[in-house]
Protein backbone atom coordinates (compact mmCIF):
# COMPACT_ATOMS: atom_id res chain seq x y z
CA MET A 1 60.51 90.18 88.30
CA ALA A 2 64.11 90.45 87.11
CA GLY A 3 66.79 88.82 89.21
CA ARG A 4 69.85 90.56 90.50
CA ARG A 5 72.72 91.09 88.13
CA ARG A 6 75.48 88.51 88.19
CA TRP A 7 78.81 90.25 88.67
CA SER A 8 81.99 88.79 87.17
CA THR A 9 85.08 88.23 89.28
CA GLU A 10 86.88 91.05 87.47
CA GLU A 11 84.01 93.48 88.06
CA ILE A 12 83.98 92.60 91.75
CA LEU A 13 87.74 93.19 91.96
CA ASP A 14 87.41 96.49 90.08
CA THR A 15 84.86 97.76 92.57
CA ALA A 16 86.79 96.46 95.59
CA ALA A 17 89.99 98.13 94.35
CA GLU A 18 88.18 101.46 93.92
CA MET A 19 86.66 101.21 97.40
CA LEU A 20 90.07 100.48 98.91
CA ARG A 21 91.68 103.29 96.94
CA THR A 22 89.28 105.85 98.37
CA SER A 23 89.05 104.45 101.92
CA ASP A 24 91.18 105.33 104.93
CA ASP A 25 92.52 101.80 105.33
CA ALA A 26 91.82 98.16 104.62
CA ASP A 27 90.15 97.69 108.00
CA SER A 28 87.21 99.85 106.92
CA PHE A 29 86.58 97.59 103.94
CA SER A 30 84.04 94.80 104.27
CA VAL A 31 82.39 92.29 101.98
CA ARG A 32 79.01 93.58 103.16
CA ARG A 33 79.85 97.13 102.09
CA LEU A 34 81.14 95.85 98.77
CA ALA A 35 77.90 93.93 98.24
CA THR A 36 75.90 97.06 99.00
CA VAL A 37 77.84 99.09 96.44
CA LEU A 38 77.27 96.37 93.85
CA GLY A 39 73.58 96.12 94.72
CA THR A 40 73.76 92.48 95.69
CA ASP A 41 74.12 90.37 98.83
CA SER A 42 77.28 89.06 100.50
CA SER A 43 76.47 85.44 99.74
CA SER A 44 76.75 86.08 96.00
CA LEU A 45 80.28 87.43 96.48
CA TYR A 46 81.32 84.45 98.56
CA ARG A 47 80.73 82.33 95.47
CA HIS A 48 83.78 84.08 94.00
CA PHE A 49 85.90 84.47 97.15
CA ARG A 50 85.76 82.33 100.27
CA SER A 51 86.66 85.20 102.61
CA LYS A 52 87.47 88.89 102.85
CA THR A 53 91.17 88.01 103.10
CA GLU A 54 91.06 85.99 99.88
CA LEU A 55 89.38 88.90 98.11
CA LEU A 56 91.96 91.39 99.42
CA ARG A 57 94.79 89.14 98.29
CA ALA A 58 93.29 89.04 94.81
CA VAL A 59 93.07 92.86 94.72
CA ALA A 60 96.71 93.18 95.79
CA ASP A 61 97.74 90.65 93.17
CA ARG A 62 96.30 92.81 90.43
CA ILE A 63 98.74 95.57 91.43
CA LEU A 64 101.60 93.10 91.06
CA LEU A 65 100.29 92.06 87.65
CA ALA A 66 100.14 95.69 86.56
CA ALA A 67 103.68 96.26 87.79
CA MET A 68 104.97 93.29 85.81
CA ASP A 69 103.11 94.18 82.62
CA GLY A 70 105.70 94.83 79.93
CA TYR A 71 108.60 94.07 82.25
CA HIS A 72 111.78 92.80 80.62
CA PRO A 73 114.80 92.01 82.81
CA GLU A 74 117.87 94.03 81.93
CA GLY A 75 121.32 94.45 83.44
CA ASP A 76 123.05 92.41 86.11
CA TRP A 77 121.29 90.76 89.03
CA LYS A 78 121.43 93.86 91.23
CA GLN A 79 119.98 96.05 88.48
CA ARG A 80 117.20 93.52 87.93
CA ILE A 81 116.19 93.45 91.58
CA THR A 82 116.41 97.24 91.84
CA SER A 83 114.28 97.68 88.72
CA LEU A 84 111.74 95.18 90.06
CA ALA A 85 111.53 96.92 93.43
CA LEU A 86 111.10 100.35 91.84
CA ARG A 87 108.33 99.03 89.59
CA LEU A 88 106.48 97.71 92.64
CA ARG A 89 107.06 101.01 94.45
CA GLU A 90 105.62 102.95 91.51
CA ALA A 91 102.63 100.64 91.11
CA PHE A 92 101.62 100.86 94.76
CA GLY A 93 102.47 104.57 94.80
CA GLN A 94 99.60 105.10 92.36
CA GLN A 95 97.24 103.24 94.71
CA PRO A 96 98.86 103.69 98.15
CA GLN A 97 95.90 102.38 100.11
CA LEU A 98 96.48 98.98 98.54
CA ALA A 99 100.11 98.85 99.69
CA ALA A 100 98.96 98.08 103.23
CA VAL A 101 96.77 95.30 101.86
CA TRP A 102 99.75 93.72 100.13
CA GLY A 103 101.98 94.11 103.17
CA ARG A 104 99.40 92.56 105.46
CA TYR A 105 97.82 89.84 103.37
CA ALA A 106 100.48 89.12 100.71
CA SER A 107 99.29 87.42 97.51
CA GLY A 108 99.36 84.03 95.93
CA GLY A 109 98.16 84.80 92.43
CA ALA A 110 99.76 85.17 89.03
CA GLY A 111 101.21 88.58 89.87
CA SER A 112 102.91 87.23 92.95
CA ARG A 113 104.37 84.33 90.99
CA LEU A 114 105.80 86.70 88.36
CA VAL A 115 107.46 88.86 91.02
CA MET A 116 108.84 85.86 92.89
CA GLU A 117 110.15 84.23 89.70
CA GLU A 118 112.04 87.35 88.63
CA ALA A 119 113.53 87.93 92.10
CA LEU A 120 114.61 84.30 92.42
CA GLN A 121 116.09 84.23 88.92
CA ALA A 122 118.06 87.40 89.65
CA LEU A 123 119.40 85.92 92.88
CA ARG A 124 120.46 82.75 91.06
CA ALA A 125 122.28 84.93 88.53
CA SER A 126 124.19 86.53 91.40
CA GLY A 127 126.12 83.34 92.04
CA LEU A 128 124.61 82.63 95.43
CA PRO A 129 124.43 78.93 96.30
CA ASP A 130 120.91 77.57 95.79
CA GLU A 131 120.57 76.71 99.47
CA GLU A 132 121.02 80.37 100.45
CA ILE A 133 118.61 81.87 97.94
CA PRO A 134 115.26 81.25 99.71
CA ALA A 135 116.41 83.04 102.88
CA ARG A 136 117.91 85.91 100.91
CA TYR A 137 114.72 86.20 98.87
CA HIS A 138 112.62 86.32 102.04
CA ARG A 139 114.70 89.13 103.50
CA LEU A 140 114.44 91.14 100.31
CA ALA A 141 110.68 90.60 100.11
CA VAL A 142 110.17 91.71 103.72
CA LEU A 143 112.37 94.77 103.19
CA ILE A 144 110.69 95.88 99.96
CA ALA A 145 107.16 95.32 101.26
CA ALA A 146 107.95 97.24 104.47
CA LEU A 147 109.49 100.17 102.61
CA ILE A 148 106.58 100.38 100.15
CA ALA A 149 103.94 100.13 102.89
CA SER A 150 105.71 102.75 105.00
CA GLU A 151 106.01 105.16 102.10
CA ALA A 152 102.41 104.61 101.07
CA GLY A 153 101.24 105.38 104.59
CA VAL A 154 102.97 108.76 104.48
CA SER A 155 101.60 109.58 101.02
CA THR A 156 97.97 109.15 102.09
CA ILE A 157 97.95 111.81 104.82
CA THR A 158 96.23 115.12 104.14
CA SER A 159 98.11 118.41 103.81
CA GLU A 160 96.72 119.47 107.18
CA GLU A 161 97.95 116.28 108.81
CA TYR A 162 101.33 116.76 107.16
CA GLU A 163 101.71 120.28 108.52
CA GLN A 164 100.67 119.14 111.98
CA GLY A 165 103.23 116.35 111.81
CA MET A 166 105.97 118.73 110.70
CA GLU A 167 105.20 121.07 113.58
CA LEU A 168 105.33 118.21 116.06
CA PHE A 169 108.63 117.09 114.51
CA ARG A 170 110.13 120.56 114.88
CA VAL A 171 109.00 120.78 118.49
CA ALA A 172 110.33 117.33 119.31
CA VAL A 173 113.71 117.93 117.66
CA LEU A 174 114.49 121.61 118.05
CA GLY A 175 112.90 121.85 121.47
CA ALA A 176 114.77 118.92 122.99
CA ASP A 177 116.56 119.46 126.32
CA PRO A 178 120.30 119.39 125.47
CA GLU A 179 121.22 117.87 128.82
CA ARG A 180 118.83 114.97 128.45
CA PHE A 181 119.15 114.59 124.67
CA PRO A 182 122.69 115.72 123.78
CA ALA A 183 122.93 113.72 120.54
CA LEU A 184 119.54 114.89 119.33
CA THR A 185 120.45 118.48 120.10
CA HIS A 186 123.75 118.12 118.26
CA PHE A 187 122.11 116.77 115.07
CA ALA A 188 118.81 118.65 115.37
CA ARG A 189 119.19 120.83 112.29
CA GLU A 190 120.36 117.97 110.08
CA VAL A 191 117.86 115.28 111.11
CA ARG A 192 115.17 114.90 108.45
CA PRO A 193 111.51 113.97 109.01
CA LEU A 194 110.30 110.55 107.89
CA GLY A 195 108.59 111.95 104.81
CA ALA A 196 111.73 113.49 103.34
CA ASP A 197 113.58 112.02 100.36
CA ARG A 198 111.63 108.77 100.38
CA ARG A 199 112.82 107.59 96.98
CA ALA A 200 116.46 108.22 97.83
CA ALA A 201 116.08 106.39 101.13
CA PHE A 202 114.31 103.50 99.39
CA GLU A 203 117.12 103.09 96.86
CA GLU A 204 119.91 103.45 99.43
CA ILE A 205 118.43 100.89 101.83
CA LEU A 206 117.83 98.43 99.01
CA ALA A 207 121.35 99.00 97.64
CA ALA A 208 122.81 98.29 101.07
CA GLN A 209 120.96 94.97 101.24
CA LEU A 210 122.13 94.01 97.76
CA ALA A 211 125.71 94.98 98.64
CA GLN A 212 125.50 92.70 101.66
CA ILE A 213 124.40 89.83 99.45
CA GLU A 214 127.19 90.56 96.98
CA ALA A 215 129.78 90.62 99.77
CA SER A 216 128.66 87.19 100.95
CA ILE A 217 129.10 85.53 97.56
CA GLY A 218 132.15 83.36 97.56
CA SER A 219 133.06 84.22 101.15
CA PRO A 220 133.91 80.98 103.00
CA GLY A 221 131.93 80.47 106.16
CA THR A 222 129.42 83.19 105.31
CA GLY A 223 125.82 82.05 105.44
CA THR A 224 122.41 83.61 105.91
CA ALA A 225 122.13 83.07 109.66
């Protein structure tokens, strides 16, 4: 009687990534379900990954590796960070379900190291003192991950869910009581729903953070607190 097939780490990650891509969210993913799809048992997968979280981190790291494939830093430090952020946005935009995995579990693999190295090098090129760079890096990382995860969440809704959301938005905004919500009433026809102009918003928010960093360089008494 033939034994069960031995799956390689890469094959396991391929299957896990596809399951996550087609699932509603990372919470519905389980090692047991993955084992069933592969036609094996959970214990065989735990020889490759000690836990579900470790496996999910490895899947997210592959997205980072793909984003950094062929990357060559160009321009000044702000252009480098902007280019890096947009590459990550594009990579997770192609597999939006995995953006939540990255935002929740982070990654500690080769892809993560490449992203961190480029961001830290760009910040050093900005002229920031070395002692300020880790905190500035952390803020940028939190901002970029939050923006990507938020955008990915919007992109995964169905057309029916989108239309329902738009109708609720119109009711909430245009139907607001002007006495109770005077500011909302005043701006009602100009306020945009969360799904509008996501790329522009992404770039503007990131640019504002980079401008804040630039303004702090060389300013006496300005720190990261």
